[in-house]
Amino acid sequence: PGDYLLLQNEIEGAGKIIVAAKKKGLKVVLNPSPINEELKACPLELVDCFILNEIEGGELTGESEPNAVLHTLHQR
C-alpha cells in the first residue's frame, strides 16, 4: 500500500492491472498513450495521476482548452 504503479496504454490488460493495483492499495499513474478503444473501457476513475499532452487530454475529455481538460478529468 502507498507504492506507485506507472503504466502506459501500450500494455495488454491495462484495465485489469489498474483494478488489481487499487485493490492492493497502490496509487496508479497512467500515460494513456496511445489512445485507443480499449482505453475507453479502462476504469480511468481509479487513476490517481495522468501523464498526458494536450492531444491525449482532448481525446479523453472532448475538450480543447487545458483548464477544461483538467476540470473534466477531475470531475470524472
N, C-alpha and C. Protein backbone atom coordinates (compact mmCIF):
# COMPACT_ATOMS: atom_id res chain seq x y z
N PRO A 1 0.82 -1.21 0.00
CA PRO A 1 0.00 0.00 0.00
C PRO A 1 0.87 1.27 0.00
N GLY A 2 0.44 2.25 -0.81
CA GLY A 2 1.15 3.51 -0.87
C GLY A 2 2.19 3.57 -1.97
N ASP A 3 2.58 2.42 -2.53
CA ASP A 3 3.53 2.43 -3.65
C ASP A 3 2.81 2.90 -4.90
N TYR A 4 3.58 3.20 -5.93
CA TYR A 4 3.04 3.68 -7.19
C TYR A 4 3.21 2.64 -8.28
N LEU A 5 2.23 2.56 -9.15
CA LEU A 5 2.31 1.75 -10.35
C LEU A 5 2.24 2.70 -11.53
N LEU A 6 3.25 2.66 -12.39
CA LEU A 6 3.29 3.50 -13.57
C LEU A 6 2.98 2.65 -14.80
N LEU A 7 1.94 3.04 -15.54
CA LEU A 7 1.50 2.29 -16.71
C LEU A 7 1.46 3.17 -17.94
N GLN A 8 1.66 2.56 -19.08
CA GLN A 8 1.41 3.20 -20.36
C GLN A 8 0.40 2.32 -21.08
N ASN A 9 -0.44 2.92 -21.90
CA ASN A 9 -1.51 2.18 -22.54
C ASN A 9 -1.01 1.22 -23.62
N GLU A 10 0.26 1.03 -23.75
CA GLU A 10 0.78 0.09 -24.75
C GLU A 10 0.75 -1.35 -24.27
N ILE A 11 0.41 -1.56 -23.01
CA ILE A 11 0.41 -2.93 -22.50
C ILE A 11 -0.99 -3.52 -22.57
N GLU A 12 -1.06 -4.82 -22.70
CA GLU A 12 -2.34 -5.51 -22.76
C GLU A 12 -2.89 -5.67 -21.35
N GLY A 13 -4.19 -5.50 -21.21
CA GLY A 13 -4.83 -5.71 -19.92
C GLY A 13 -4.67 -4.57 -18.93
N ALA A 14 -4.48 -3.36 -19.42
CA ALA A 14 -4.26 -2.22 -18.52
C ALA A 14 -5.41 -2.05 -17.52
N GLY A 15 -6.64 -2.24 -17.98
CA GLY A 15 -7.79 -2.08 -17.08
C GLY A 15 -7.75 -3.05 -15.92
N LYS A 16 -7.45 -4.30 -16.20
CA LYS A 16 -7.36 -5.32 -15.14
C LYS A 16 -6.21 -5.01 -14.19
N ILE A 17 -5.12 -4.52 -14.74
CA ILE A 17 -3.95 -4.18 -13.91
C ILE A 17 -4.29 -3.01 -12.98
N ILE A 18 -5.00 -2.02 -13.50
CA ILE A 18 -5.40 -0.87 -12.68
C ILE A 18 -6.26 -1.33 -11.52
N VAL A 19 -7.24 -2.16 -11.79
CA VAL A 19 -8.14 -2.66 -10.74
C VAL A 19 -7.35 -3.44 -9.69
N ALA A 20 -6.47 -4.34 -10.12
CA ALA A 20 -5.68 -5.14 -9.19
C ALA A 20 -4.78 -4.27 -8.34
N ALA A 21 -4.19 -3.25 -8.96
CA ALA A 21 -3.29 -2.35 -8.21
C ALA A 21 -4.06 -1.59 -7.13
N LYS A 22 -5.25 -1.09 -7.47
CA LYS A 22 -6.04 -0.35 -6.48
C LYS A 22 -6.47 -1.25 -5.33
N LYS A 23 -6.79 -2.51 -5.63
CA LYS A 23 -7.17 -3.45 -4.57
C LYS A 23 -6.03 -3.67 -3.59
N LYS A 24 -4.80 -3.54 -4.07
CA LYS A 24 -3.63 -3.71 -3.21
C LYS A 24 -3.19 -2.40 -2.56
N GLY A 25 -3.93 -1.32 -2.83
CA GLY A 25 -3.63 -0.04 -2.19
C GLY A 25 -2.58 0.79 -2.91
N LEU A 26 -2.26 0.45 -4.14
CA LEU A 26 -1.28 1.22 -4.88
C LEU A 26 -1.91 2.47 -5.47
N LYS A 27 -1.09 3.48 -5.70
CA LYS A 27 -1.50 4.67 -6.45
C LYS A 27 -1.16 4.38 -7.90
N VAL A 28 -2.07 4.73 -8.81
CA VAL A 28 -1.90 4.42 -10.23
C VAL A 28 -1.61 5.69 -11.01
N VAL A 29 -0.51 5.65 -11.77
CA VAL A 29 -0.12 6.73 -12.66
C VAL A 29 -0.23 6.16 -14.07
N LEU A 30 -0.94 6.86 -14.96
CA LEU A 30 -1.18 6.34 -16.30
C LEU A 30 -0.81 7.35 -17.37
N ASN A 31 -0.01 6.89 -18.32
CA ASN A 31 0.19 7.61 -19.57
C ASN A 31 -0.76 6.93 -20.55
N PRO A 32 -1.83 7.61 -20.99
CA PRO A 32 -2.85 6.96 -21.81
C PRO A 32 -2.46 6.77 -23.28
N SER A 33 -1.23 7.07 -23.62
CA SER A 33 -0.79 6.93 -25.00
C SER A 33 -0.42 5.48 -25.31
N PRO A 34 -0.81 4.97 -26.43
CA PRO A 34 -1.64 5.57 -27.47
C PRO A 34 -3.13 5.44 -27.12
N ILE A 35 -3.88 6.48 -27.40
CA ILE A 35 -5.33 6.45 -27.16
C ILE A 35 -5.95 5.45 -28.14
N ASN A 36 -6.77 4.54 -27.61
CA ASN A 36 -7.46 3.57 -28.45
C ASN A 36 -8.78 3.18 -27.79
N GLU A 37 -9.52 2.33 -28.45
CA GLU A 37 -10.83 1.91 -27.94
C GLU A 37 -10.73 1.15 -26.62
N GLU A 38 -9.68 0.35 -26.45
CA GLU A 38 -9.52 -0.41 -25.20
C GLU A 38 -9.39 0.53 -24.00
N LEU A 39 -8.74 1.66 -24.21
CA LEU A 39 -8.56 2.62 -23.13
C LEU A 39 -9.90 3.13 -22.62
N LYS A 40 -10.85 3.32 -23.51
CA LYS A 40 -12.16 3.84 -23.11
C LYS A 40 -12.90 2.88 -22.20
N ALA A 41 -12.52 1.60 -22.22
CA ALA A 41 -13.14 0.61 -21.35
C ALA A 41 -12.41 0.50 -20.00
N CYS A 42 -11.27 1.14 -19.87
CA CYS A 42 -10.50 1.08 -18.62
C CYS A 42 -11.19 1.90 -17.53
N PRO A 43 -11.03 1.49 -16.29
CA PRO A 43 -11.61 2.24 -15.17
C PRO A 43 -10.75 3.47 -14.83
N LEU A 44 -10.85 4.49 -15.69
CA LEU A 44 -10.00 5.67 -15.54
C LEU A 44 -10.28 6.44 -14.25
N GLU A 45 -11.45 6.21 -13.67
CA GLU A 45 -11.75 6.87 -12.39
C GLU A 45 -10.85 6.38 -11.27
N LEU A 46 -10.17 5.25 -11.46
CA LEU A 46 -9.26 4.72 -10.45
C LEU A 46 -7.84 5.26 -10.59
N VAL A 47 -7.57 5.99 -11.67
CA VAL A 47 -6.23 6.53 -11.90
C VAL A 47 -6.02 7.75 -11.00
N ASP A 48 -4.89 7.76 -10.30
CA ASP A 48 -4.57 8.87 -9.40
C ASP A 48 -3.89 10.03 -10.12
N CYS A 49 -3.14 9.71 -11.16
CA CYS A 49 -2.39 10.75 -11.86
C CYS A 49 -2.24 10.36 -13.33
N PHE A 50 -2.50 11.31 -14.22
CA PHE A 50 -2.30 11.09 -15.64
C PHE A 50 -1.05 11.83 -16.10
N ILE A 51 -0.32 11.21 -17.01
CA ILE A 51 0.78 11.87 -17.70
C ILE A 51 0.33 11.96 -19.15
N LEU A 52 -0.05 13.16 -19.59
CA LEU A 52 -0.59 13.29 -20.93
C LEU A 52 -0.30 14.65 -21.53
N ASN A 53 -0.45 14.72 -22.83
CA ASN A 53 -0.29 16.00 -23.51
C ASN A 53 -1.67 16.53 -23.90
N GLU A 54 -1.69 17.69 -24.57
CA GLU A 54 -2.96 18.32 -24.91
C GLU A 54 -3.82 17.44 -25.82
N ILE A 55 -3.20 16.77 -26.76
CA ILE A 55 -3.95 15.92 -27.70
C ILE A 55 -4.61 14.77 -26.95
N GLU A 56 -3.86 14.11 -26.10
CA GLU A 56 -4.41 13.00 -25.31
C GLU A 56 -5.50 13.49 -24.37
N GLY A 57 -5.29 14.64 -23.75
CA GLY A 57 -6.30 15.22 -22.87
C GLY A 57 -7.59 15.50 -23.61
N GLY A 58 -7.46 16.02 -24.83
CA GLY A 58 -8.62 16.28 -25.66
C GLY A 58 -9.34 15.01 -26.06
N GLU A 59 -8.57 13.98 -26.38
CA GLU A 59 -9.17 12.69 -26.76
C GLU A 59 -9.96 12.08 -25.60
N LEU A 60 -9.44 12.22 -24.39
CA LEU A 60 -10.11 11.63 -23.23
C LEU A 60 -11.34 12.41 -22.79
N THR A 61 -11.33 13.73 -23.02
CA THR A 61 -12.39 14.57 -22.46
C THR A 61 -13.30 15.23 -23.48
N GLY A 62 -12.84 15.33 -24.73
CA GLY A 62 -13.60 16.07 -25.71
C GLY A 62 -13.41 17.57 -25.60
N GLU A 63 -12.52 17.99 -24.72
CA GLU A 63 -12.23 19.41 -24.51
C GLU A 63 -10.94 19.79 -25.23
N SER A 64 -10.76 21.08 -25.53
CA SER A 64 -9.53 21.52 -26.19
C SER A 64 -8.73 22.49 -25.34
N GLU A 65 -9.37 23.19 -24.44
CA GLU A 65 -8.70 24.17 -23.59
C GLU A 65 -8.12 23.44 -22.37
N PRO A 66 -6.82 23.66 -22.06
CA PRO A 66 -6.19 22.90 -20.97
C PRO A 66 -6.93 22.93 -19.63
N ASN A 67 -7.45 24.07 -19.22
CA ASN A 67 -8.17 24.11 -17.94
C ASN A 67 -9.45 23.30 -18.00
N ALA A 68 -10.10 23.29 -19.16
CA ALA A 68 -11.32 22.49 -19.32
C ALA A 68 -10.98 21.00 -19.29
N VAL A 69 -9.85 20.62 -19.89
CA VAL A 69 -9.40 19.23 -19.84
C VAL A 69 -9.19 18.82 -18.39
N LEU A 70 -8.47 19.63 -17.63
CA LEU A 70 -8.21 19.31 -16.22
C LEU A 70 -9.52 19.22 -15.43
N HIS A 71 -10.41 20.16 -15.64
CA HIS A 71 -11.68 20.17 -14.91
C HIS A 71 -12.49 18.90 -15.22
N THR A 72 -12.57 18.53 -16.49
CA THR A 72 -13.34 17.36 -16.88
C THR A 72 -12.72 16.08 -16.32
N LEU A 73 -11.40 15.96 -16.38
CA LEU A 73 -10.76 14.78 -15.81
C LEU A 73 -11.00 14.71 -14.30
N HIS A 74 -10.92 15.83 -13.63
CA HIS A 74 -11.14 15.86 -12.19
C HIS A 74 -12.57 15.45 -11.85
N GLN A 75 -13.53 15.91 -12.63
CA GLN A 75 -14.93 15.56 -12.39
C GLN A 75 -15.19 14.07 -12.57
N ARG A 76 -14.47 13.46 -13.50
CA ARG A 76 -14.66 12.03 -13.77
C ARG A 76 -14.01 11.21 -12.68
